[in-house]
Amino acid sequence: MNLKITKSALLIALLGVSGSAVLAQETTTSTTTTRFDKQSYRTWSIGAQAGILSQNTIFGGDSQRADEFKSIGYGIFVKKQILPALGLQADVLRGNVKTFVGANSRSENKINWATSLTAVLNVANFSFNDQNAVLIPYVKAGAGYMSSSADVTTASTTTNLFTDREGWFIPVGVGFKLGVSKGINLDFGYDVNFIKSSPTVKSVYNEGRFGNAHAGIEFAIGKKEKSQLQNYSAIADLRKKSAAESEELRRALSSAEANAQRDREQYAKDMGDDDGDGVANKFDKCAGTPSGTVVDGSGCPLSTPKPQIIKETKVVVTEADRKVVGDAIKNLEFDLGKSTIRSKSYASLNRVASLLMEKDFSLKLAGHTDATGSRELNLRLSKDRAEAVKAYLVSQGANASRIEATGYGPDQPISTNKTAAGRQENRRVEFTIY
């Protein structure tokens, strides 16, 4: 009774494994992945195998006739790969085991059916720089249940020893697989099956065991664009993805360098003074004036220069004047890493230009940066930004001779450079009217 219950449980387990394989084949998942994202693999496979059954094993045997190699075994299997190196395999085997002892004595053991569940451990994964392995050696072991019959022939007399006798056996084996394509493997292996049944059954198998040297073919179940988990080489795939990532970074760096070079050339063109009138090209509304021509703040010639009357007057700076300058400082913004003034700053700078013309104030512009980057680059950037503000104010009519632009780089911080907020405070252009 206990044997029948155990046999039923094993058959139900094997059917469950097979049923899960069918369900897995019907399940559809998205195969659209990006580099370094989580990937899905084919973990179910089915296969068939055939080979030679023999009571002569690597552990010994008494059969002495080459005719035993006519003993053929065949079967099918379903496999679930749990990890890249570990899988569970359900096998069904049939065949005959023939043994010849002496000249006139032989036995024939018929394996009606044998089912087993084994754990298959992949010893290594030889990928040869490919994502799908070419050679996978493995070892396996498990448990099974079988039904067999036995006949003994002496001279011309054949005696039936038993029919449909059932019992347990333990299969162990070694082998290797050859990956011939992304979803097909050739399987070559050798198993030794240790019979753990009644003494009657064990007696007809030499020392209670038989071997199975077999070859077969295995098909992965699932979408063909996915790799098999057991064949998948993570190292080879990582090398491929890293190479693609490196190529993208090189292209991005090359593009960034080209853009930076164009920006530098454009800046040099904008801030240059081709006609030598003291007004940068970007703000020069009358380009190409002859050398020595007296021009106004926008670079246009003055028909009759107005005489300048210098009066010694006391300069009075009111709170309203300071507010105009303070608003300009507060609203002043440049493009990142450049000296290009953003258009949102124009309105407050226009009010500063009007103030300078109305009250004949002088203005000192002091550019400052944080400590990020080289000091030489920061000194140049702070000077360029102060000069850009001066050029804009002059373009709006301010007297260029009353505006001084200086760059101090990171040398005069007003806050710490260890925090983002402190560095933001240090990046500034100070306006001082007098």
Foldseek 3Di string as FASTA:
>chain_A
DVVVVVQVVVVVVQVVLVVVLVVVLVDDDDQDDDPPDDGDFQFKKKKKKKFAKELADPVGDQADDPVQRVKMKIWMKMKGHPALFKIKMKIKMWTWGKGDHPDFKIKIKTWPIKIWIKMKGFPDFDCVLHQFGFKTKIKMKTKMKTFMWMWMTGRHDIDTLDGRDMFMKIKIWIWMWGDPDQFKIKTWIKIKIATPGDPSVCVNRGNRIMMTTMIMMMGGRYDSVGGHSNGGDPVSSVVVSVVVVVVVVVVVVVVVVVVVVVVVVVVCQQQDQVQPQPAGNVQAPDHDDHPPFHDALSNHGDPDDDDDDDDDDDDDQDPVNVVLQVVLFVQWDAPPLALHTDPSSLVSLLVNLVVCVVRVKAKEKEFEAAPPDDQVSQQVRRQSNQVVSLSSSRSSGHDSVRYHGGYDYNPDQPADNPDPVSRVRRGTMHMDID
